[in-house]
Amino acid sequence: MGDRLAELVRVAGYRVATGFVGTPIVQDALTGGGHLDAAARMLLQTQCPSWLYPVTMGATTVWERWDSMLPDGTVNPGQMTSFNHYAFGAIADWLHRVVAGLAPAAPGYREITIAPHPLPGLDRARTAHDTPYGRASVGWERHGDTIVVEAQVPANTTATVQLPGGTEALSVGSGIHRWEVAAPVAGNGHGPVTFDTPLAEVIDDQEAFDALLAAFRAHDDVKTREFLDQTRWLPNLPLSHGLERVPREIREDIRAALETVSRGRAE
């Protein structure tokens, strides 16, 4: 089931395609199923709809809807355009519990779970909570091939620690703790990218995908948004299928951009 969810998230271009019921749990489901790459792509996505799209539009609060402000900078004329609303704020809870890795295991944080998840694309995360027993905190940071995890466990409490990498869980008492673990090994690099490359491989190849979008945006932001809105990033269809209705001059620039990416990988 986790694999199927990751596939659906990819098909949607790593943009949020769930509503009020699914959005608060989709990231938990992905990370719980071992798909940290997919969760990271969703978290760091900036295209609408996504959690970071409002940030690109200057947001400092959580909006009620993804497009409360439209890409052209105007306020959405529809309803539900509050700029301070919890609607999609569950992502902050997930960042606290899962990415940074601090969660209660008993009422009042008498027992604590420490289980950080260093996501691809993030170099560090840190969170803290003032419990009835004192401050609890967890933080992790990348140092080359090592991930350093630091935690503060309040007095008269205990914590179960699950370090990155699938090591056996530890039980620790109050105090300041520090661990070092090996960072996950990155996957194999991507090969050449052409119009015959499956759409699913293109969206999972960040360098090629960025080159494609840059070539698109050099011509027309509107057509870029239309392409992103209409494309389903399926594993059984080539990139050429998604570009069938794209003007020839844009297609040729995309082809040239992908050839540049491929040549760089061959050197």
Foldseek 3Di string as FASTA:
>chain_A
DLVVLLLQCLQLLLADDDFLVPLLCSLVSNVVVVNLQSSVSQQPDCDPPGQNVVVVLVQPAGAQHRPCPPPVGHGDPDPRSGSHDCSNVSVVVCCACEQQNWDAPDPQNLEIEGEHDPGPPDFKGKDWDQTPQGIWIWMWGDDPQKIKIKIAAGANHKYWYDYPDRDDIDIGHGDIDMDMDTHDDDDDADAAAAQQQQLSVQSVHVQLVVLLLVLVVVVPPVVSVVLSNPGGRDRVGGNCVSCVPPDPVSVVSSRVSSVVVNVVVVD
